[in-house]
Amino acid sequence: MKRGYEVTLHVVEDAGSETFCDLLEFPPLDPDHEFGRTLAVADDAAVAMAEAECRTGAARHRWVNAGMAGDEYLDYLRERRSGSMTAQE
C-alpha cells in the first residue's frame, strides 16, 4: 500500500467444500466489512507481521500466501472429514 503495510482481517462464512475452496469467494460474516477490517498500518513489514500476530493470535509458522490459502483450506477439510485433526489444530 502507498501508506505502508496494511494488516487487514477478513472474517468470512465457512462455506467451502472439496469442490469449492476459493476463500476469496466466501461471503463475509459482517456485510459492513465486506472487504475486511484494517487492524494496523506500519512502515515496516516486520512490524506489520508482529501487529498481525498480536491483534489476531496468528501463528507466524502457519501463515501462507493468498495463492496457497485455498489449498491449505482443502487440506483442512480433508483432515476434518477423516477425523485425523487434533484439538490443537
Protein backbone atom coordinates (compact mmCIF):
# COMPACT_ATOMS: atom_id res chain seq x y z
CA MET A 1 0.00 0.00 0.00
CA LYS A 2 1.14 3.56 -0.53
CA ARG A 3 0.73 4.26 3.16
CA GLY A 4 2.79 1.23 4.22
CA TYR A 5 1.96 -2.36 5.09
CA GLU A 6 -1.68 -2.87 5.96
CA VAL A 7 -2.93 -5.64 8.21
CA THR A 8 -6.49 -6.49 7.21
CA LEU A 9 -8.73 -9.04 8.90
CA HIS A 10 -11.22 -10.87 6.69
CA VAL A 11 -13.91 -12.84 8.55
CA VAL A 12 -15.98 -15.00 6.23
CA GLU A 13 -18.56 -17.76 6.41
CA ASP A 14 -17.06 -21.25 6.27
CA ALA A 15 -18.97 -22.02 3.08
CA GLY A 16 -16.45 -24.30 1.42
CA SER A 17 -16.34 -27.87 0.29
CA GLU A 18 -13.88 -30.06 -1.54
CA THR A 19 -15.24 -28.64 -4.80
CA PHE A 20 -15.39 -25.01 -3.59
CA CYS A 21 -12.35 -23.74 -1.72
CA ASP A 22 -11.79 -20.27 -3.20
CA LEU A 23 -11.62 -18.30 0.06
CA LEU A 24 -11.95 -15.01 -1.81
CA GLU A 25 -15.47 -16.04 -2.84
CA PHE A 26 -16.72 -16.88 0.66
CA PRO A 27 -19.37 -14.45 1.92
CA PRO A 28 -18.40 -12.06 4.73
CA LEU A 29 -19.95 -12.68 8.14
CA ASP A 30 -20.42 -8.93 8.58
CA PRO A 31 -21.71 -7.13 5.46
CA ASP A 32 -20.32 -3.86 6.86
CA HIS A 33 -16.81 -5.32 6.49
CA GLU A 34 -17.18 -6.96 3.10
CA PHE A 35 -13.59 -6.08 2.17
CA GLY A 36 -12.10 -6.74 5.61
CA ARG A 37 -11.30 -4.53 8.57
CA THR A 38 -7.98 -2.71 8.78
CA LEU A 39 -6.27 -3.59 12.06
CA ALA A 40 -2.96 -1.79 11.63
CA VAL A 41 -0.75 0.11 9.21
CA ALA A 42 3.04 0.03 9.55
CA ASP A 43 6.01 1.36 7.59
CA ASP A 44 7.96 -1.86 8.14
CA ALA A 45 6.91 -5.38 7.08
CA ALA A 46 8.23 -6.99 10.28
CA VAL A 47 6.24 -4.53 12.40
CA ALA A 48 3.10 -5.28 10.36
CA MET A 49 3.58 -9.03 10.88
CA ALA A 50 4.09 -8.52 14.62
CA GLU A 51 0.87 -6.45 14.73
CA ALA A 52 -1.00 -9.21 12.89
CA GLU A 53 0.23 -11.77 15.39
CA CYS A 54 -0.63 -9.57 18.36
CA ARG A 55 -4.08 -8.49 17.18
CA THR A 56 -5.32 -11.79 15.78
CA GLY A 57 -3.39 -14.50 17.62
CA ALA A 58 -1.96 -15.64 14.28
CA ALA A 59 0.95 -18.09 14.41
CA ARG A 60 3.69 -16.98 12.02
CA HIS A 61 4.77 -20.57 11.28
CA ARG A 62 1.24 -21.30 9.99
CA TRP A 63 0.94 -18.39 7.53
CA VAL A 64 0.63 -18.98 3.79
CA ASN A 65 0.28 -16.58 0.90
CA ALA A 66 -3.06 -15.95 -0.76
CA GLY A 67 -2.22 -18.37 -3.57
CA MET A 68 -1.82 -21.25 -1.11
CA ALA A 69 -4.69 -20.47 1.28
CA GLY A 70 -7.29 -22.39 -0.73
CA ASP A 71 -5.05 -25.47 -0.85
CA GLU A 72 -4.49 -25.25 2.90
CA TYR A 73 -8.25 -24.95 3.43
CA LEU A 74 -8.84 -28.02 1.26
CA ASP A 75 -6.29 -29.96 3.36
CA TYR A 76 -8.14 -28.78 6.49
CA LEU A 77 -11.48 -30.05 5.11
CA ARG A 78 -9.99 -33.43 4.23
CA GLU A 79 -8.36 -33.81 7.65
CA ARG A 80 -11.58 -32.79 9.40
CA ARG A 81 -13.54 -35.31 7.33
CA SER A 82 -11.08 -38.12 8.08
CA GLY A 83 -11.16 -37.34 11.80
CA SER A 84 -7.37 -37.01 11.98
CA MET A 85 -7.34 -33.46 13.35
CA THR A 86 -6.15 -32.88 16.91
CA ALA A 87 -7.55 -30.34 19.37
CA GLN A 88 -4.56 -28.04 18.73
CA GLU A 89 -5.39 -27.69 15.05
